[in-house]
Protein backbone atom coordinates (compact mmCIF):
# COMPACT_ATOMS: atom_id res chain seq x y z
CA MET A 1 0.01 -0.01 0.01
CA ALA A 2 1.69 3.16 -1.18
CA PRO A 3 1.80 6.18 1.12
CA ASN A 4 -0.96 8.69 0.50
CA ALA A 5 -2.71 10.90 3.08
CA ARG A 6 -0.66 11.93 6.05
CA LEU A 7 -1.14 9.82 9.17
CA ASP A 8 -2.50 11.34 12.36
CA HIS A 9 -0.43 10.35 15.39
CA ARG A 10 -3.53 10.95 17.56
CA ASN A 11 -5.27 8.01 15.89
CA PRO A 12 -5.08 5.06 18.34
CA LEU A 13 -4.29 2.71 15.45
CA VAL A 14 -1.32 4.78 14.32
CA PHE A 15 2.01 3.82 15.90
CA ASP A 16 5.30 5.67 16.14
CA THR A 17 8.57 3.84 15.41
CA HIS A 18 11.01 6.67 16.17
CA GLU A 19 12.06 5.17 19.50
CA LEU A 20 12.82 1.87 17.75
CA GLY A 21 15.38 3.45 15.45
CA ARG A 22 16.77 2.04 12.23
CA ARG A 23 19.40 -0.29 13.64
CA PRO A 24 18.58 -3.79 12.33
CA GLY A 25 17.69 -6.15 15.15
CA ALA A 26 16.28 -3.49 17.48
CA LEU A 27 13.06 -4.60 19.20
CA GLN A 28 10.17 -2.85 20.84
CA ARG A 29 7.09 -4.36 22.49
CA LEU A 30 3.84 -2.42 22.81
CA THR A 31 0.44 -3.07 24.34
CA ARG A 32 -2.58 -0.90 23.73
CA THR A 33 -6.33 -1.15 24.21
CA ILE A 34 -8.39 0.68 21.61
CA ASP A 35 -12.06 1.15 20.76
CA ALA A 36 -13.04 -1.01 17.80
CA PRO A 37 -13.57 0.96 14.61
CA ALA A 38 -16.83 0.61 12.69
CA ASP A 39 -17.44 -2.50 10.58
CA LEU A 40 -14.63 -4.55 12.11
CA GLY A 41 -15.49 -8.07 10.93
CA ILE A 42 -17.67 -9.75 8.34
CA GLN A 43 -20.47 -7.32 7.58
CA GLY A 44 -23.93 -8.70 8.25
CA VAL A 45 -22.53 -11.93 9.71
CA ILE A 46 -20.24 -11.43 12.74
CA GLY A 47 -17.82 -8.84 13.99
CA VAL A 48 -16.54 -6.73 16.88
CA PRO A 49 -19.14 -4.07 17.82
CA GLU A 50 -18.05 -0.51 17.21
CA GLY A 51 -16.50 0.97 20.32
CA ALA A 52 -15.87 -2.41 22.01
CA PRO A 53 -12.40 -2.83 23.58
CA VAL A 54 -9.72 -4.44 21.42
CA GLU A 55 -6.50 -5.46 23.17
CA LEU A 56 -3.38 -5.21 21.01
CA GLU A 57 0.01 -6.80 21.69
CA LEU A 58 2.68 -5.74 19.21
CA ARG A 59 6.29 -6.64 18.56
CA LEU A 60 8.20 -4.17 16.40
CA GLU A 61 11.48 -5.29 14.89
CA SER A 62 13.79 -3.07 12.88
CA VAL A 63 15.09 -4.73 9.71
CA MET A 64 17.08 -3.51 6.72
CA GLU A 65 14.08 -2.52 4.61
CA GLY A 66 11.71 -1.28 7.32
CA VAL A 67 9.86 -2.37 10.47
CA LEU A 68 8.45 -5.85 10.85
CA VAL A 69 5.24 -5.73 12.88
CA THR A 70 4.02 -8.92 14.56
CA GLY A 71 1.00 -8.89 16.84
CA THR A 72 -2.20 -10.27 18.28
CA ALA A 73 -5.59 -8.66 18.67
CA ARG A 74 -8.14 -9.90 21.21
CA ALA A 75 -11.76 -8.87 21.47
CA GLN A 76 -15.33 -10.14 21.91
CA ALA A 77 -17.11 -10.72 18.62
CA GLU A 78 -20.88 -10.83 18.24
CA GLY A 79 -23.07 -12.16 15.49
CA GLU A 80 -26.01 -14.41 14.62
CA CYS A 81 -26.19 -18.18 14.28
CA VAL A 82 -26.69 -19.04 10.62
CA ARG A 83 -28.92 -21.98 11.56
CA CYS A 84 -31.26 -20.71 14.26
CA LEU A 85 -30.64 -16.93 14.06
CA GLU A 86 -29.95 -16.76 17.81
CA PRO A 87 -27.21 -14.35 19.06
CA VAL A 88 -23.66 -15.69 18.99
CA GLY A 89 -20.69 -14.42 21.00
CA LEU A 90 -17.11 -15.66 20.80
CA GLU A 91 -13.66 -14.70 22.02
CA LEU A 92 -11.68 -13.43 19.04
CA GLU A 93 -7.92 -13.82 18.79
CA ALA A 94 -6.38 -12.64 15.53
CA ASP A 95 -2.65 -12.91 14.74
CA PHE A 96 -0.94 -10.81 12.08
CA GLN A 97 2.47 -9.94 10.68
CA GLU A 98 3.46 -7.35 8.12
CA LEU A 99 6.52 -5.45 6.95
CA PHE A 100 6.19 -1.67 6.82
CA SER A 101 8.88 -0.52 4.42
CA TYR A 102 10.94 2.63 4.62
CA PRO A 103 9.80 4.90 1.80
CA ASP A 104 13.44 5.36 0.71
CA ALA A 105 14.33 1.64 0.46
CA ASP A 106 13.49 -1.17 -1.92
CA ASP A 107 12.48 -4.70 -0.95
CA ARG A 108 16.15 -5.58 -0.34
CA GLY A 109 16.76 -2.65 1.96
CA ARG A 110 18.73 -0.70 -0.63
CA VAL A 111 18.27 3.08 -0.69
CA ILE A 112 16.46 4.35 -3.75
CA ALA A 113 16.36 7.89 -5.02
CA GLU A 114 12.66 8.24 -5.73
CA PRO A 115 10.25 5.96 -3.82
CA GLY A 116 7.12 4.79 -5.54
CA ASP A 117 8.50 4.55 -9.11
CA ASP A 118 7.01 1.07 -9.55
CA ALA A 119 3.30 1.62 -8.86
CA GLU A 120 2.37 -2.06 -9.16
CA ASP A 121 4.91 -3.10 -6.51
CA ASP A 122 3.89 -0.26 -4.22
CA GLU A 123 0.21 -1.37 -4.24
CA ASP A 124 1.20 -4.60 -2.52
CA ARG A 125 3.43 -3.00 0.10
CA PHE A 126 2.88 -1.10 3.35
CA PHE A 127 5.01 1.98 4.01
CA LEU A 128 6.15 3.96 7.00
CA GLU A 129 5.28 7.64 6.86
CA ASP A 130 7.52 9.92 8.89
CA GLY A 131 8.21 6.97 11.16
CA LEU A 132 4.49 6.21 11.62
CA PHE A 133 2.41 3.26 10.45
CA ASP A 134 -1.35 2.67 10.35
CA LEU A 135 -2.35 -0.71 11.79
CA GLU A 136 -6.04 -0.52 10.80
CA PRO A 137 -5.87 -2.19 7.33
CA LEU A 138 -3.76 -5.01 8.76
CA LEU A 139 -6.08 -5.42 11.75
CA ARG A 140 -9.18 -5.57 9.56
CA ASP A 141 -7.72 -8.30 7.34
CA ALA A 142 -6.58 -10.35 10.35
CA VAL A 143 -9.98 -10.12 12.08
CA VAL A 144 -11.87 -11.22 8.95
CA LEU A 145 -9.56 -14.23 8.54
CA ALA A 146 -9.96 -15.19 12.23
CA LEU A 147 -13.78 -15.08 12.25
CA PRO A 148 -16.01 -17.95 11.08
CA MET A 149 -17.80 -17.35 7.79
CA GLN A 150 -20.82 -19.27 9.09
CA PRO A 151 -21.04 -18.81 12.87
CA VAL A 152 -23.18 -21.23 14.87
CA CYS A 153 -24.34 -21.09 18.48
CA ARG A 154 -23.20 -24.70 18.89
CA GLU A 155 -21.83 -27.34 16.55
CA ASP A 156 -24.96 -29.53 16.71
CA CYS A 157 -27.47 -26.66 16.41
CA PRO A 158 -30.57 -28.15 14.69
CA GLY A 159 -31.68 -24.77 13.34
CA LEU A 160 -35.25 -23.83 12.50
CA CYS A 161 -38.16 -25.85 11.12
CA SER A 162 -38.19 -25.32 7.36
CA GLU A 163 -42.01 -25.35 7.32
CA CYS A 164 -43.04 -23.16 10.25
CA GLY A 165 -39.79 -21.59 11.52
CA ALA A 166 -40.01 -23.12 14.99
CA LEU A 167 -36.78 -23.32 17.03
CA LEU A 168 -35.95 -27.02 16.94
CA ALA A 169 -33.59 -26.84 19.93
CA ASP A 170 -36.58 -25.97 22.14
CA ASP A 171 -38.69 -28.84 20.80
CA PRO A 172 -36.59 -31.79 19.62
CA ASP A 173 -39.76 -33.82 18.82
CA HIS A 174 -41.19 -31.09 16.60
CA HIS A 175 -42.37 -32.41 13.23
CA HIS A 176 -45.06 -32.12 10.60
CA ASP A 177 -46.99 -35.04 9.11
CA ALA A 178 -45.62 -35.53 5.66
CA VAL A 179 -48.10 -35.81 2.80
CA ASP A 180 -47.14 -37.79 -0.28
CA ILE A 181 -47.41 -35.34 -3.17
CA ARG A 182 -48.71 -38.17 -5.38
CA TRP A 183 -51.87 -38.35 -3.24
CA ALA A 184 -52.26 -34.63 -2.54
CA ALA A 185 -54.35 -34.02 -5.67
CA LEU A 186 -56.61 -36.98 -4.91
CA GLN A 187 -57.10 -35.73 -1.36
CA GLY A 188 -58.11 -32.36 -2.70
CA LEU A 189 -60.54 -34.01 -5.14
CA ALA A 190 -62.01 -36.17 -2.37
CA GLY A 191 -62.57 -33.08 -0.28
CA SER A 192 -64.38 -31.38 -3.14
CA LEU A 193 -66.60 -34.43 -3.67
CA GLU A 194 -67.45 -34.55 0.02
CA ASP A 195 -68.43 -30.89 -0.05
CA GLY A 196 -70.57 -31.52 -3.13
CA GLU A 197 -72.33 -34.46 -1.51
CA LYS A 198 -73.06 -32.37 1.56
CA ASP A 199 -74.59 -29.65 -0.61
CA GLU A 200 -76.76 -32.19 -2.45
CA MET A 201 -77.94 -33.72 0.82
CA SER A 202 -78.77 -30.29 2.16
CA GLY A 203 -80.76 -29.54 -1.00
CA ALA A 204 -82.64 -32.83 -0.80
CA GLU A 205 -83.54 -32.27 2.83
CA ALA A 206 -84.81 -28.82 1.99
CA GLY A 207 -87.06 -30.31 -0.75
CA VAL A 208 -88.52 -32.87 1.61
CA ASP A 209 -89.28 -30.17 4.14
CA GLU A 210 -91.12 -28.12 1.50
CA LYS A 211 -93.28 -31.12 0.49
CA GLN A 212 -94.15 -31.87 4.07
CA GLU A 213 -95.29 -28.25 4.57
CA LYS A 214 -97.63 -28.51 1.55
């Protein structure tokens, strides 16, 4: 990812590497708890609610071409069971690692005169900007990879009844009497005939009553 807009050091997901220095092998460990940004997770499925606490543990290592960032994010994710639609909560732990390159060095750590000449290569790289790096894109990718694409409240969740939507976990014996579709039409015809016979009988009884009155 090529450098673009200037980073704001006040952003809790922006980190400063000046104390680390550029000496290869230098290490720095950081811990920080931030409020989750909006849409952190799989939209419409499961994610970390906006504003929820996210604990970050980072290890910054200075290398020839930049700063290697290794870390873990921990938070409580919330979503909906894909089978029964009941709320789902799980402890999220997402690991990540990425190299943030110096803007004046190539992928071998060699100093270059004009950074960003190769646009295609820059699109796949993360850069330091004035010694700062933005963790948010890396965090978002790591969280999405760590979350289940189809969350369930439990592995054996029976889901909902496909006919009436009843929660099967609450009523394991729930069922509907199956009707063979080959006989459904005949049952409908039989019902029509029964209704017709009842109408005829009602008409006949009415005729008998009229005769008796005369």
